[in-house]
């Protein structure tokens, strides 16, 4: 279920219908984890940017 959801979100965000390019240079096990890791990385970037904006001196 979660893997299916992450796969759909990954394809929506990257518009990538061909996994061959992304998975060409990595193992099959790593290719399965690529969508989840992409979403984690994107979420981390968004949270970091939000934290920087909240903590900036111009907010107060």
Protein backbone atom coordinates (compact mmCIF):
# COMPACT_ATOMS: atom_id res chain seq x y z
CA UNK A 1 0.00 0.00 0.00
CA UNK A 2 2.62 2.57 1.06
CA UNK A 3 4.93 1.48 -1.74
CA UNK A 4 2.11 1.85 -4.26
CA UNK A 5 1.32 5.33 -2.94
CA UNK A 6 4.96 6.40 -3.04
CA UNK A 7 5.31 5.02 -6.58
CA UNK A 8 2.30 7.04 -7.76
CA UNK A 9 3.52 10.20 -6.02
CA UNK A 10 7.02 9.73 -7.46
CA UNK A 11 5.66 9.34 -10.99
CA UNK A 12 3.40 12.36 -10.55
CA UNK A 13 6.20 14.61 -9.27
CA UNK A 14 8.90 13.48 -11.67
CA UNK A 15 6.67 12.71 -14.65
CA UNK A 16 8.87 9.62 -15.08
CA UNK A 17 7.12 6.74 -16.81
CA UNK A 18 10.37 5.04 -17.78
CA UNK A 19 12.27 3.69 -14.78
CA UNK A 20 15.01 2.44 -17.08
CA UNK A 21 16.95 5.69 -16.94
CA UNK A 22 16.93 5.99 -13.16
CA UNK A 23 17.53 2.32 -12.48
CA UNK A 24 20.10 1.66 -15.16
CA UNK A 25 23.17 2.17 -12.96
CA UNK A 26 21.85 0.72 -9.67
CA UNK A 27 20.80 -2.72 -8.43
CA UNK A 28 17.21 -3.94 -8.55
CA UNK A 29 16.90 -3.68 -4.76
CA UNK A 30 18.03 -0.06 -4.84
CA UNK A 31 15.67 0.67 -7.72
CA UNK A 32 12.70 -0.42 -5.60
CA UNK A 33 13.73 2.06 -2.88
CA UNK A 34 14.34 4.98 -5.27
CA UNK A 35 10.79 6.46 -5.18
CA UNK A 36 10.63 6.36 -1.36
CA UNK A 37 14.07 7.93 -1.04
CA UNK A 38 13.14 10.63 -3.56
CA UNK A 39 10.05 11.56 -1.55
CA UNK A 40 12.02 11.57 1.71
CA UNK A 41 14.62 13.85 0.16
CA UNK A 42 11.98 16.21 -1.23
CA UNK A 43 10.19 16.30 2.14
CA UNK A 44 13.46 16.99 3.92
CA UNK A 45 14.22 19.89 1.58
CA UNK A 46 10.76 21.38 2.07
CA UNK A 47 10.98 21.07 5.86
CA UNK A 48 14.45 22.62 5.90
CA UNK A 49 13.30 25.56 3.79
CA UNK A 50 10.28 26.07 6.04
CA UNK A 51 12.48 25.99 9.16
CA UNK A 52 14.84 28.57 7.64
CA UNK A 53 11.93 30.86 6.85
CA UNK A 54 10.43 30.54 10.33
CA UNK A 55 13.78 31.15 12.04
CA UNK A 56 14.81 34.09 9.85
CA UNK A 57 15.26 37.45 11.58
CA UNK A 58 12.72 39.12 9.28
CA UNK A 59 9.82 37.12 10.73
CA UNK A 60 9.69 38.99 14.04
